[in-house]
Amino acid sequence: MLLLGSGSFWGCGYIRYLIPLNPTAATATTPPTHAGWNTIVKQYVNQQGLVNYRGLRTDSLALNAYIQDLGSHMPSKSWTDNDRLAYWINAYNAYTVQLIVRNYPVKSIKDLGGDKIFVNTPWDKHFIHLGGQAYSLNDIEHRIIRKQFKDNRIHLALVCAAMSCPRLRNEAYTGPSLTAQLDDQGRDFLNNPAKNKLTPIDKPQVSAIFSFYPKDFTKNGSKSVQEFVNRYATTKINPSATLRYLTYNWALNEQ
């Protein structure tokens, strides 16, 4: 999770995240069913999106098998945009969970650090192997998903293993269901008082995610953060409300 809204993160080590990536299979493939991930999250993720990492650690072979399946079904140009986006969201979340499982017990993903001298975060670890190349979580989020799809709802679907993240959905994303799933994530996230406090409506306290990526929320059907919030919130805030941002809780999203 590269905090692009902060100027302090624009060092030479992050210039690479401006360069798009579009890894695809050498030959046409069909989208995976994501059945493996679906089984995992139904068993180890509850309705609040909290993960039973201790239990999953004893069943890591299932997680590894799903990740191998991702490598065998790289996106093809013949896929729909929704199939490709569902693939990359599931991949990001599965690899994040794998990173935690490999290092469990851990109090926060931020405790894991990185593998570089100047770019030292867990999101910069090149531990993701797909199509013979190594990628980081930041590669998937910023060089693939944000560059290719321009859909601000992805920020409510990508889960960084922290309590302030959106809930980890306990079903896999799939191309045919993706639009409904992302809209459901929006309603769940915006109406959760632990993530967003929308009253008073002229000075709401919203998730720091909206400060991490402010420009993203002025695209894709909304002209402002306030307008995006009101797309999904039951309690509507003032269109010109002064936004305050909740402190991000990086504690592990653990049951």
C-alpha atoms as a PDB file:
ATOM      1  CA  MET A   1       0.000   0.000   0.000  1.00  0.00           C
ATOM      2  CA  LEU A   2       2.027   2.914  -1.308  1.00  0.00           C
ATOM      3  CA  LEU A   3       0.615   6.118   0.149  1.00  0.00           C
ATOM      4  CA  LEU A   4       0.594   8.171  -3.012  1.00  0.00           C
ATOM      5  CA  GLY A   5      -1.179  11.063  -1.355  1.00  0.00           C
ATOM      6  CA  SER A   6       1.916  11.892   0.664  1.00  0.00           C
ATOM      7  CA  GLY A   7       4.795  13.762  -0.899  1.00  0.00           C
ATOM      8  CA  SER A   8       7.230  12.127   1.521  1.00  0.00           C
ATOM      9  CA  PHE A   9       6.903   8.857  -0.402  1.00  0.00           C
ATOM     10  CA  TRP A  10       8.110  10.241  -3.729  1.00  0.00           C
ATOM     11  CA  GLY A  11      11.677   9.009  -3.636  1.00  0.00           C
ATOM     12  CA  CYS A  12      13.676   7.491  -6.474  1.00  0.00           C
ATOM     13  CA  GLY A  13      12.724   4.027  -5.250  1.00  0.00           C
ATOM     14  CA  TYR A  14       9.076   4.671  -6.066  1.00  0.00           C
ATOM     15  CA  ILE A  15       9.471   6.052  -9.589  1.00  0.00           C
ATOM     16  CA  ARG A  16       8.984   2.525 -10.914  1.00  0.00           C
ATOM     17  CA  TYR A  17       5.360   2.592  -9.715  1.00  0.00           C
ATOM     18  CA  LEU A  18       4.602   5.203 -12.377  1.00  0.00           C
ATOM     19  CA  ILE A  19       5.391   2.623 -15.070  1.00  0.00           C
ATOM     20  CA  PRO A  20       2.390   0.448 -16.028  1.00  0.00           C
ATOM     21  CA  LEU A  21       2.569  -3.325 -16.087  1.00  0.00           C
ATOM     22  CA  ASN A  22       0.373  -5.647 -18.117  1.00  0.00           C
ATOM     23  CA  PRO A  23       1.486  -9.235 -17.514  1.00  0.00           C
ATOM     24  CA  THR A  24      -0.487 -11.666 -19.640  1.00  0.00           C
ATOM     25  CA  ALA A  25      -0.297 -15.344 -20.550  1.00  0.00           C
ATOM     26  CA  ALA A  26       1.786 -16.252 -23.580  1.00  0.00           C
ATOM     27  CA  THR A  27      -1.152 -18.242 -24.918  1.00  0.00           C
ATOM     28  CA  ALA A  28      -4.879 -17.741 -24.432  1.00  0.00           C
ATOM     29  CA  THR A  29      -6.226 -19.055 -21.144  1.00  0.00           C
ATOM     30  CA  THR A  30      -9.660 -19.123 -19.576  1.00  0.00           C
ATOM     31  CA  PRO A  31     -10.265 -17.244 -16.300  1.00  0.00           C
ATOM     32  CA  PRO A  32      -9.803 -19.391 -13.206  1.00  0.00           C
ATOM     33  CA  THR A  33     -12.899 -20.241 -11.187  1.00  0.00           C
ATOM     34  CA  HIS A  34     -11.195 -18.953  -8.003  1.00  0.00           C
ATOM     35  CA  ALA A  35     -12.853 -21.922  -6.279  1.00  0.00           C
ATOM     36  CA  GLY A  36      -9.743 -22.517  -4.176  1.00  0.00           C
ATOM     37  CA  TRP A  37      -9.777 -18.982  -2.787  1.00  0.00           C
ATOM     38  CA  ASN A  38     -13.536 -19.167  -2.292  1.00  0.00           C
ATOM     39  CA  THR A  39     -13.136 -22.269  -0.124  1.00  0.00           C
ATOM     40  CA  ILE A  40     -10.322 -20.706   1.908  1.00  0.00           C
ATOM     41  CA  VAL A  41     -12.060 -17.435   2.731  1.00  0.00           C
ATOM     42  CA  LYS A  42     -15.369 -19.126   3.528  1.00  0.00           C
ATOM     43  CA  GLN A  43     -13.578 -21.317   6.063  1.00  0.00           C
ATOM     44  CA  TYR A  44     -11.095 -18.866   7.580  1.00  0.00           C
ATOM     45  CA  VAL A  45     -12.676 -15.395   7.176  1.00  0.00           C
ATOM     46  CA  ASN A  46     -15.748 -14.351   9.153  1.00  0.00           C
ATOM     47  CA  GLN A  47     -18.546 -11.958   8.190  1.00  0.00           C
ATOM     48  CA  GLN A  48     -16.577  -9.025   9.641  1.00  0.00           C
ATOM     49  CA  GLY A  49     -13.626  -9.820   7.372  1.00  0.00           C
ATOM     50  CA  LEU A  50     -11.385 -11.010  10.202  1.00  0.00           C
ATOM     51  CA  VAL A  51      -9.019 -13.848   9.420  1.00  0.00           C
ATOM     52  CA  ASN A  52      -8.244 -16.994  11.389  1.00  0.00           C
ATOM     53  CA  TYR A  53      -4.554 -16.896  10.510  1.00  0.00           C
ATOM     54  CA  ARG A  54      -3.677 -19.503  13.124  1.00  0.00           C
ATOM     55  CA  GLY A  55      -6.064 -21.997  11.554  1.00  0.00           C
ATOM     56  CA  LEU A  56      -5.052 -21.118   8.015  1.00  0.00           C
ATOM     57  CA  ARG A  57      -1.408 -21.624   8.887  1.00  0.00           C
ATOM     58  CA  THR A  58      -2.155 -25.305   9.492  1.00  0.00           C
ATOM     59  CA  ASP A  59      -3.903 -25.467   6.093  1.00  0.00           C
ATOM     60  CA  SER A  60      -1.365 -23.510   4.090  1.00  0.00           C
ATOM     61  CA  LEU A  61      -1.216 -26.178   1.379  1.00  0.00           C
ATOM     62  CA  ALA A  62      -4.665 -25.085   0.198  1.00  0.00           C
ATOM     63  CA  LEU A  63      -3.519 -21.473  -0.024  1.00  0.00           C
ATOM     64  CA  ASN A  64      -0.363 -22.462  -1.884  1.00  0.00           C
ATOM     65  CA  ALA A  65      -2.409 -24.569  -4.313  1.00  0.00           C
ATOM     66  CA  TYR A  66      -4.648 -21.611  -5.124  1.00  0.00           C
ATOM     67  CA  ILE A  67      -1.653 -19.356  -5.677  1.00  0.00           C
ATOM     68  CA  GLN A  68      -0.156 -21.949  -8.021  1.00  0.00           C
ATOM     69  CA  ASP A  69      -3.466 -21.961  -9.883  1.00  0.00           C
ATOM     70  CA  LEU A  70      -3.166 -18.204 -10.353  1.00  0.00           C
ATOM     71  CA  GLY A  71       0.227 -18.742 -11.959  1.00  0.00           C
ATOM     72  CA  SER A  72      -1.271 -21.303 -14.319  1.00  0.00           C
ATOM     73  CA  HIS A  73      -4.091 -18.995 -15.397  1.00  0.00           C
ATOM     74  CA  MET A  74      -2.442 -15.665 -16.113  1.00  0.00           C
ATOM     75  CA  PRO A  75      -4.803 -13.080 -17.643  1.00  0.00           C
ATOM     76  CA  SER A  76      -5.349 -13.250 -21.375  1.00  0.00           C
ATOM     77  CA  LYS A  77      -6.260 -10.424 -23.727  1.00  0.00           C
ATOM     78  CA  SER A  78      -9.402 -12.408 -24.540  1.00  0.00           C
ATOM     79  CA  TRP A  79     -10.739 -11.989 -20.992  1.00  0.00           C
ATOM     80  CA  THR A  80     -13.295  -9.342 -20.089  1.00  0.00           C
ATOM     81  CA  ASP A  81     -12.136  -6.370 -18.020  1.00  0.00           C
ATOM     82  CA  ASN A  82     -14.144  -7.696 -15.074  1.00  0.00           C
ATOM     83  CA  ASP A  83     -12.483 -11.113 -15.299  1.00  0.00           C
ATOM     84  CA  ARG A  84      -9.046  -9.500 -15.304  1.00  0.00           C
ATOM     85  CA  LEU A  85      -9.837  -7.139 -12.445  1.00  0.00           C
ATOM     86  CA  ALA A  86     -11.331  -9.951 -10.338  1.00  0.00           C
ATOM     87  CA  TYR A  87      -8.152 -11.962 -10.962  1.00  0.00           C
ATOM     88  CA  TRP A  88      -5.860  -9.177  -9.738  1.00  0.00           C
ATOM     89  CA  ILE A  89      -7.979  -8.312  -6.677  1.00  0.00           C
ATOM     90  CA  ASN A  90      -8.031 -11.955  -5.592  1.00  0.00           C
ATOM     91  CA  ALA A  91      -4.306 -12.245  -6.289  1.00  0.00           C
ATOM     92  CA  TYR A  92      -3.477  -9.163  -4.207  1.00  0.00           C
ATOM     93  CA  ASN A  93      -5.558 -10.386  -1.271  1.00  0.00           C
ATOM     94  CA  ALA A  94      -4.317 -13.981  -1.462  1.00  0.00           C
ATOM     95  CA  TYR A  95      -0.659 -12.957  -1.586  1.00  0.00           C
ATOM     96  CA  THR A  96      -1.201 -10.557   1.328  1.00  0.00           C
ATOM     97  CA  VAL A  97      -2.693 -13.387   3.368  1.00  0.00           C
ATOM     98  CA  GLN A  98       0.182 -15.650   2.339  1.00  0.00           C
ATOM     99  CA  LEU A  99       2.695 -13.031   3.523  1.00  0.00           C
ATOM    100  CA  ILE A 100       1.048 -12.959   6.948  1.00  0.00           C
ATOM    101  CA  VAL A 101       0.760 -16.758   7.184  1.00  0.00           C
ATOM    102  CA  ARG A 102       4.451 -17.160   6.349  1.00  0.00           C
ATOM    103  CA  ASN A 103       5.418 -14.780   9.151  1.00  0.00           C
ATOM    104  CA  TYR A 104       2.716 -15.569  11.698  1.00  0.00           C
ATOM    105  CA  PRO A 105       2.471 -14.703  14.546  1.00  0.00           C
ATOM    106  CA  VAL A 106       2.835 -10.992  13.842  1.00  0.00           C
ATOM    107  CA  LYS A 107       1.069  -7.980  15.327  1.00  0.00           C
ATOM    108  CA  SER A 108       1.012  -5.885  12.153  1.00  0.00           C
ATOM    109  CA  ILE A 109       1.957  -6.287   8.512  1.00  0.00           C
ATOM    110  CA  LYS A 110       4.085  -3.162   8.929  1.00  0.00           C
ATOM    111  CA  ASP A 111       6.370  -5.105  11.274  1.00  0.00           C
ATOM    112  CA  LEU A 112       7.510  -7.250   8.368  1.00  0.00           C
ATOM    113  CA  GLY A 113       9.534  -4.555   6.631  1.00  0.00           C
ATOM    114  CA  GLY A 114      10.869  -5.038   3.130  1.00  0.00           C
ATOM    115  CA  ASP A 115      13.799  -6.449   1.228  1.00  0.00           C
ATOM    116  CA  LYS A 116      15.288  -3.222  -0.124  1.00  0.00           C
ATOM    117  CA  ILE A 117      17.591  -0.634   1.405  1.00  0.00           C
ATOM    118  CA  PHE A 118      15.733   2.538   0.466  1.00  0.00           C
ATOM    119  CA  VAL A 119      12.302   1.089  -0.280  1.00  0.00           C
ATOM    120  CA  ASN A 120      11.689  -0.869   2.882  1.00  0.00           C
ATOM    121  CA  THR A 121       8.041  -1.857   3.233  1.00  0.00           C
ATOM    122  CA  PRO A 122       6.279  -5.228   3.007  1.00  0.00           C
ATOM    123  CA  TRP A 123       4.441  -3.929  -0.074  1.00  0.00           C
ATOM    124  CA  ASP A 124       7.763  -3.694  -1.930  1.00  0.00           C
ATOM    125  CA  LYS A 125       8.854  -7.299  -1.350  1.00  0.00           C
ATOM    126  CA  HIS A 126       9.191  -9.108  -4.676  1.00  0.00           C
ATOM    127  CA  PHE A 127       7.799 -12.401  -3.398  1.00  0.00           C
ATOM    128  CA  ILE A 128       5.008 -12.782  -5.983  1.00  0.00           C
ATOM    129  CA  HIS A 129       5.989 -15.083  -8.849  1.00  0.00           C
ATOM    130  CA  LEU A 130       3.702 -15.074 -11.881  1.00  0.00           C
ATOM    131  CA  GLY A 131       4.601 -15.907 -15.450  1.00  0.00           C
ATOM    132  CA  GLY A 132       8.287 -16.251 -14.650  1.00  0.00           C
ATOM    133  CA  GLN A 133       8.526 -12.727 -13.195  1.00  0.00           C
ATOM    134  CA  ALA A 134       8.689 -11.447  -9.620  1.00  0.00           C
ATOM    135  CA  TYR A 135       6.277  -8.749  -8.479  1.00  0.00           C
ATOM    136  CA  SER A 136       5.443  -6.865  -5.303  1.00  0.00           C
ATOM    137  CA  LEU A 137       2.041  -6.027  -3.837  1.00  0.00           C
ATOM    138  CA  ASN A 138       2.662  -2.424  -4.888  1.00  0.00           C
ATOM    139  CA  ASP A 139       3.289  -3.631  -8.433  1.00  0.00           C
ATOM    140  CA  ILE A 140      -0.127  -5.291  -8.491  1.00  0.00           C
ATOM    141  CA  GLU A 141      -1.959  -2.359  -6.913  1.00  0.00           C
ATOM    142  CA  HIS A 142      -0.301   0.608  -8.599  1.00  0.00           C
ATOM    143  CA  ARG A 143       1.252  -0.643 -11.824  1.00  0.00           C
ATOM    144  CA  ILE A 144      -1.512  -3.052 -12.816  1.00  0.00           C
ATOM    145  CA  ILE A 145      -4.845  -2.385 -11.098  1.00  0.00           C
ATOM    146  CA  ARG A 146      -4.794   1.400 -10.747  1.00  0.00           C
ATOM    147  CA  LYS A 147      -3.167   1.910 -14.148  1.00  0.00           C
ATOM    148  CA  GLN A 148      -5.376  -0.447 -16.136  1.00  0.00           C
ATOM    149  CA  PHE A 149      -8.805  -0.238 -14.567  1.00  0.00           C
ATOM    150  CA  LYS A 150      -9.341   3.294 -13.206  1.00  0.00           C
ATOM    151  CA  ASP A 151     -12.021   2.031 -10.794  1.00  0.00           C
ATOM    152  CA  ASN A 152     -11.891   3.763  -7.404  1.00  0.00           C
ATOM    153  CA  ARG A 153     -13.944   0.974  -5.803  1.00  0.00           C
ATOM    154  CA  ILE A 154     -10.815  -1.187  -5.811  1.00  0.00           C
ATOM    155  CA  HIS A 155      -9.648   0.678  -2.704  1.00  0.00           C
ATOM    156  CA  LEU A 156     -12.558  -0.946  -0.867  1.00  0.00           C
ATOM    157  CA  ALA A 157     -11.649  -4.426  -2.102  1.00  0.00           C
ATOM    158  CA  LEU A 158      -7.850  -4.609  -1.724  1.00  0.00           C
ATOM    159  CA  VAL A 159      -7.096  -5.637   1.846  1.00  0.00           C
ATOM    160  CA  CYS A 160      -3.769  -4.884   3.536  1.00  0.00           C
ATOM    161  CA  ALA A 161      -4.283  -7.177   6.568  1.00  0.00           C
ATOM    162  CA  ALA A 162      -5.042  -4.284   8.928  1.00  0.00           C
ATOM    163  CA  MET A 163      -8.060  -3.490  11.089  1.00  0.00           C
ATOM    164  CA  SER A 164      -8.741  -0.207   9.290  1.00  0.00           C
ATOM    165  CA  CYS A 165      -8.757  -1.879   5.879  1.00  0.00           C
ATOM    166  CA  PRO A 166     -12.039  -2.753   4.218  1.00  0.00           C
ATOM    167  CA  ARG A 167     -13.251  -6.214   5.195  1.00  0.00           C
ATOM    168  CA  LEU A 168     -11.680  -9.159   3.457  1.00  0.00           C
ATOM    169  CA  ARG A 169     -14.658 -10.554   1.589  1.00  0.00           C
ATOM    170  CA  ASN A 170     -15.399 -14.174   2.503  1.00  0.00           C
ATOM    171  CA  GLU A 171     -16.067 -15.087  -1.086  1.00  0.00           C
ATOM    172  CA  ALA A 172     -13.876 -14.837  -4.150  1.00  0.00           C
ATOM    173  CA  TYR A 173     -14.383 -12.021  -6.626  1.00  0.00           C
ATOM    174  CA  THR A 174     -15.496 -13.249 -10.032  1.00  0.00           C
ATOM    175  CA  GLY A 175     -15.945 -11.446 -13.324  1.00  0.00           C
ATOM    176  CA  PRO A 176     -19.706 -11.993 -13.680  1.00  0.00           C
ATOM    177  CA  SER A 177     -20.404 -10.846 -10.085  1.00  0.00           C
ATOM    178  CA  LEU A 178     -17.727  -8.158  -9.794  1.00  0.00           C
ATOM    179  CA  THR A 179     -19.872  -5.028 -10.173  1.00  0.00           C
ATOM    180  CA  ALA A 180     -22.339  -6.170  -7.517  1.00  0.00           C
ATOM    181  CA  GLN A 181     -19.512  -7.299  -5.223  1.00  0.00           C
ATOM    182  CA  LEU A 182     -17.650  -3.981  -5.419  1.00  0.00           C
ATOM    183  CA  ASP A 183     -20.839  -2.017  -4.796  1.00  0.00           C
ATOM    184  CA  ASP A 184     -21.548  -4.221  -1.780  1.00  0.00           C
ATOM    185  CA  GLN A 185     -18.041  -3.524  -0.482  1.00  0.00           C
ATOM    186  CA  GLY A 186     -18.777   0.181  -0.812  1.00  0.00           C
ATOM    187  CA  ARG A 187     -21.984  -0.037   1.204  1.00  0.00           C
ATOM    188  CA  ASP A 188     -20.357  -2.214   3.864  1.00  0.00           C
ATOM    189  CA  PHE A 189     -17.312   0.031   4.256  1.00  0.00           C
ATOM    190  CA  LEU A 190     -19.024   3.428   4.248  1.00  0.00           C
ATOM    191  CA  ASN A 191     -21.749   2.395   6.688  1.00  0.00           C
ATOM    192  CA  ASN A 192     -19.400   0.734   9.181  1.00  0.00           C
ATOM    193  CA  PRO A 193     -18.953   3.179  12.108  1.00  0.00           C
ATOM    194  CA  ALA A 194     -15.607   1.587  12.928  1.00  0.00           C
ATOM    195  CA  LYS A 195     -14.322   2.685   9.509  1.00  0.00           C
ATOM    196  CA  ASN A 196     -16.233   5.938   8.876  1.00  0.00           C
ATOM    197  CA  LYS A 197     -18.088   8.255  11.276  1.00  0.00           C
ATOM    198  CA  LEU A 198     -20.441  10.244   9.063  1.00  0.00           C
ATOM    199  CA  THR A 199     -21.988  12.508  11.673  1.00  0.00           C
ATOM    200  CA  PRO A 200     -21.968  15.417  12.071  1.00  0.00           C
ATOM    201  CA  ILE A 201     -22.664  15.517   8.342  1.00  0.00           C
ATOM    202  CA  ASP A 202     -20.788  18.795   7.873  1.00  0.00           C
ATOM    203  CA  LYS A 203     -17.612  17.488   9.590  1.00  0.00           C
ATOM    204  CA  PRO A 204     -17.530  13.708   9.165  1.00  0.00           C
ATOM    205  CA  GLN A 205     -14.557  11.548  10.076  1.00  0.00           C
ATOM    206  CA  VAL A 206     -13.795   9.269   7.170  1.00  0.00           C
ATOM    207  CA  SER A 207     -11.240   6.559   6.562  1.00  0.00           C
ATOM    208  CA  ALA A 208      -7.654   7.640   5.926  1.00  0.00           C
ATOM    209  CA  ILE A 209      -7.910   5.658   2.679  1.00  0.00           C
ATOM    210  CA  PHE A 210      -9.584   8.726   1.203  1.00  0.00           C
ATOM    211  CA  SER A 211      -6.524  10.803   2.086  1.00  0.00           C
ATOM    212  CA  PHE A 212      -4.138   8.199   0.671  1.00  0.00           C
ATOM    213  CA  TYR A 213      -5.711   8.381  -2.810  1.00  0.00           C
ATOM    214  CA  PRO A 214      -7.694  11.648  -3.014  1.00  0.00           C
ATOM    215  CA  LYS A 215      -7.455  12.018  -6.801  1.00  0.00           C
ATOM    216  CA  ASP A 216      -8.775   8.511  -7.401  1.00  0.00           C
ATOM    217  CA  PHE A 217     -12.069   9.489  -5.807  1.00  0.00           C
ATOM    218  CA  THR A 218     -12.569  12.368  -8.227  1.00  0.00           C
ATOM    219  CA  LYS A 219     -12.860   9.905 -11.115  1.00  0.00           C
ATOM    220  CA  ASN A 220     -14.969   6.976 -12.199  1.00  0.00           C
ATOM    221  CA  GLY A 221     -18.389   8.548 -11.685  1.00  0.00           C
ATOM    222  CA  SER A 222     -17.661  10.793  -8.689  1.00  0.00           C
ATOM    223  CA  LYS A 223     -16.275  14.323  -8.659  1.00  0.00           C
ATOM    224  CA  SER A 224     -15.169  14.386  -5.016  1.00  0.00           C
ATOM    225  CA  VAL A 225     -14.605  12.187  -1.988  1.00  0.00           C
ATOM    226  CA  GLN A 226     -17.868  13.524  -0.577  1.00  0.00           C
ATOM    227  CA  GLU A 227     -19.755  12.436  -3.689  1.00  0.00           C
ATOM    228  CA  PHE A 228     -18.181   8.984  -3.561  1.00  0.00           C
ATOM    229  CA  VAL A 229     -19.113   8.626   0.115  1.00  0.00           C
ATOM    230  CA  ASN A 230     -22.719   9.585  -0.613  1.00  0.00           C
ATOM    231  CA  ARG A 231     -22.938   7.000  -3.383  1.00  0.00           C
ATOM    232  CA  TYR A 232     -22.904   4.267  -0.726  1.00  0.00           C
ATOM    233  CA  ALA A 233     -23.592   5.896   2.662  1.00  0.00           C
ATOM    234  CA  THR A 234     -27.001   5.602   4.286  1.00  0.00           C
ATOM    235  CA  THR A 235     -26.313   8.841   6.155  1.00  0.00           C
ATOM    236  CA  LYS A 236     -25.501  11.425   3.497  1.00  0.00           C
ATOM    237  CA  ILE A 237     -22.824  13.994   4.273  1.00  0.00           C
ATOM    238  CA  ASN A 238     -22.891  17.570   3.011  1.00  0.00           C
ATOM    239  CA  PRO A 239     -21.421  17.819  -0.501  1.00  0.00           C
ATOM    240  CA  SER A 240     -19.094  20.551   0.804  1.00  0.00           C
ATOM    241  CA  ALA A 241     -18.393  18.876   4.151  1.00  0.00           C
ATOM    242  CA  THR A 242     -15.009  19.416   5.761  1.00  0.00           C
ATOM    243  CA  LEU A 243     -13.445  15.981   5.905  1.00  0.00           C
ATOM    244  CA  ARG A 244     -11.475  14.741   8.864  1.00  0.00           C
ATOM    245  CA  TYR A 245      -9.540  11.484   8.638  1.00  0.00           C
ATOM    246  CA  LEU A 246      -9.527   8.715  11.202  1.00  0.00           C
ATOM    247  CA  THR A 247      -6.181   7.408  12.425  1.00  0.00           C
ATOM    248  CA  TYR A 248      -5.369   4.228  10.541  1.00  0.00           C
ATOM    249  CA  ASN A 249      -5.260   1.140  12.739  1.00  0.00           C
ATOM    250  CA  TRP A 250      -2.517  -1.139  11.425  1.00  0.00           C
ATOM    251  CA  ALA A 251      -3.172  -3.941  13.926  1.00  0.00           C
ATOM    252  CA  LEU A 252      -3.587  -7.319  12.256  1.00  0.00           C
ATOM    253  CA  ASN A 253      -7.101  -8.106  10.986  1.00  0.00           C
ATOM    254  CA  GLU A 254      -7.184 -11.274  13.035  1.00  0.00           C
ATOM    255  CA  GLN A 255     -10.088 -13.127  14.624  1.00  0.00           C
END
